[in-house]
Protein backbone atom coordinates (compact mmCIF):
# COMPACT_ATOMS: atom_id res chain seq x y z
CA UNK A 1 -77.46 -53.02 -21.98
CA UNK A 2 -76.32 -54.38 -18.69
CA UNK A 3 -75.81 -58.31 -18.68
CA UNK A 4 -77.58 -60.73 -16.39
CA UNK A 5 -77.17 -64.46 -15.48
CA UNK A 6 -80.07 -66.70 -16.17
CA UNK A 7 -81.48 -69.81 -13.72
CA UNK A 8 -79.18 -72.08 -16.17
CA UNK A 9 -76.36 -70.65 -13.84
CA UNK A 10 -74.34 -73.43 -11.94
CA UNK A 11 -72.50 -71.23 -9.25
CA UNK A 12 -69.26 -72.84 -10.90
CA UNK A 13 -67.68 -69.34 -9.79
CA UNK A 14 -65.24 -68.79 -12.96
CA UNK A 15 -67.58 -65.50 -13.90
CA UNK A 16 -66.82 -63.51 -10.30
CA UNK A 17 -63.37 -63.22 -10.59
CA UNK A 18 -63.11 -62.15 -14.11
CA UNK A 19 -65.54 -58.76 -13.91
CA UNK A 20 -63.33 -55.91 -14.07
CA UNK A 21 -66.25 -53.78 -12.18
CA UNK A 22 -67.25 -56.18 -9.42
CA UNK A 23 -70.66 -56.14 -10.92
CA UNK A 24 -70.92 -60.31 -10.23
CA UNK A 25 -72.02 -61.40 -6.89
CA UNK A 26 -73.24 -64.54 -5.50
CA UNK A 27 -77.10 -64.28 -4.88
CA UNK A 28 -79.39 -66.48 -3.11
CA UNK A 29 -79.58 -69.43 -5.74
CA UNK A 30 -77.16 -68.37 -8.33
CA UNK A 31 -74.89 -65.44 -9.18
CA UNK A 32 -76.17 -62.20 -10.15
CA UNK A 33 -74.95 -59.06 -12.08
CA UNK A 34 -75.48 -55.37 -10.88
CA UNK A 35 -76.58 -53.65 -13.56
CA UNK A 36 -75.55 -50.14 -12.19
CA UNK A 37 -71.91 -51.70 -12.42
CA UNK A 38 -71.83 -53.73 -15.57
CA UNK A 39 -70.47 -51.91 -18.62
CA UNK A 40 -70.47 -55.29 -20.77
CA UNK A 41 -66.75 -54.49 -20.10
CA UNK A 42 -66.64 -51.73 -22.34
CA UNK A 43 -63.86 -49.47 -21.82
CA UNK A 44 -61.82 -52.43 -20.29
CA UNK A 45 -62.04 -55.24 -23.01
CA UNK A 46 -63.59 -55.93 -26.48
CA UNK A 47 -65.91 -58.46 -25.25
CA UNK A 48 -67.67 -59.35 -21.82
CA UNK A 49 -65.10 -61.64 -19.76
CA UNK A 50 -68.08 -63.10 -18.07
CA UNK A 51 -69.58 -64.42 -21.31
CA UNK A 52 -66.18 -65.64 -22.22
CA UNK A 53 -65.47 -68.17 -19.31
CA UNK A 54 -69.28 -69.25 -18.59
CA UNK A 55 -69.12 -72.84 -19.33
CA UNK A 56 -72.82 -72.86 -19.89
CA UNK A 57 -73.82 -69.70 -21.73
CA UNK A 58 -76.25 -68.12 -19.44
CA UNK A 59 -74.97 -64.70 -19.27
CA UNK A 60 -77.51 -62.51 -21.97
CA UNK A 61 -77.96 -59.07 -21.98
CA UNK A 62 -80.54 -57.94 -19.81
CA UNK A 63 -83.70 -56.13 -21.44
CA UNK A 64 -84.61 -54.41 -18.51
CA UNK A 65 -81.63 -52.42 -18.81
CA UNK A 66 -81.19 -51.26 -22.52
CA UNK A 67 -77.92 -49.37 -23.08
CA UNK A 68 -75.80 -48.34 -26.07
CA UNK A 69 -71.92 -48.24 -26.45
CA UNK A 70 -71.92 -44.91 -25.58
CA UNK A 71 -73.96 -44.97 -22.66
CA UNK A 72 -71.89 -48.20 -21.53
CA UNK A 73 -68.46 -45.98 -21.99
CA UNK A 74 -69.82 -43.22 -19.93
CA UNK A 75 -70.78 -45.24 -16.81
CA UNK A 76 -66.86 -47.04 -17.39
CA UNK A 77 -66.03 -43.37 -17.13
CA UNK A 78 -67.84 -42.54 -13.95
CA UNK A 79 -67.09 -45.93 -12.35
CA UNK A 80 -63.28 -45.38 -12.88
CA UNK A 81 -63.29 -41.50 -12.25
CA UNK A 82 -61.90 -41.70 -9.15
CA UNK A 83 -58.90 -44.40 -10.35
């Protein structure tokens, strides 16, 4: 399942540089996560790094983009195939 940033986001800028896939970017009002790039850090880290650094706990799983660990690993592999 990809992650999402809720409207509790305070635009503190700490999550964006932590994302190894470049899935986080500034949105119109709050930061946003591109689901096609989010692997919940599977393949990179044991836990989602954006969740680890978020001071307001506003990054839950996105129910609109349900993926299991195997699907997240496959996405990671696709995203990193050119490396």
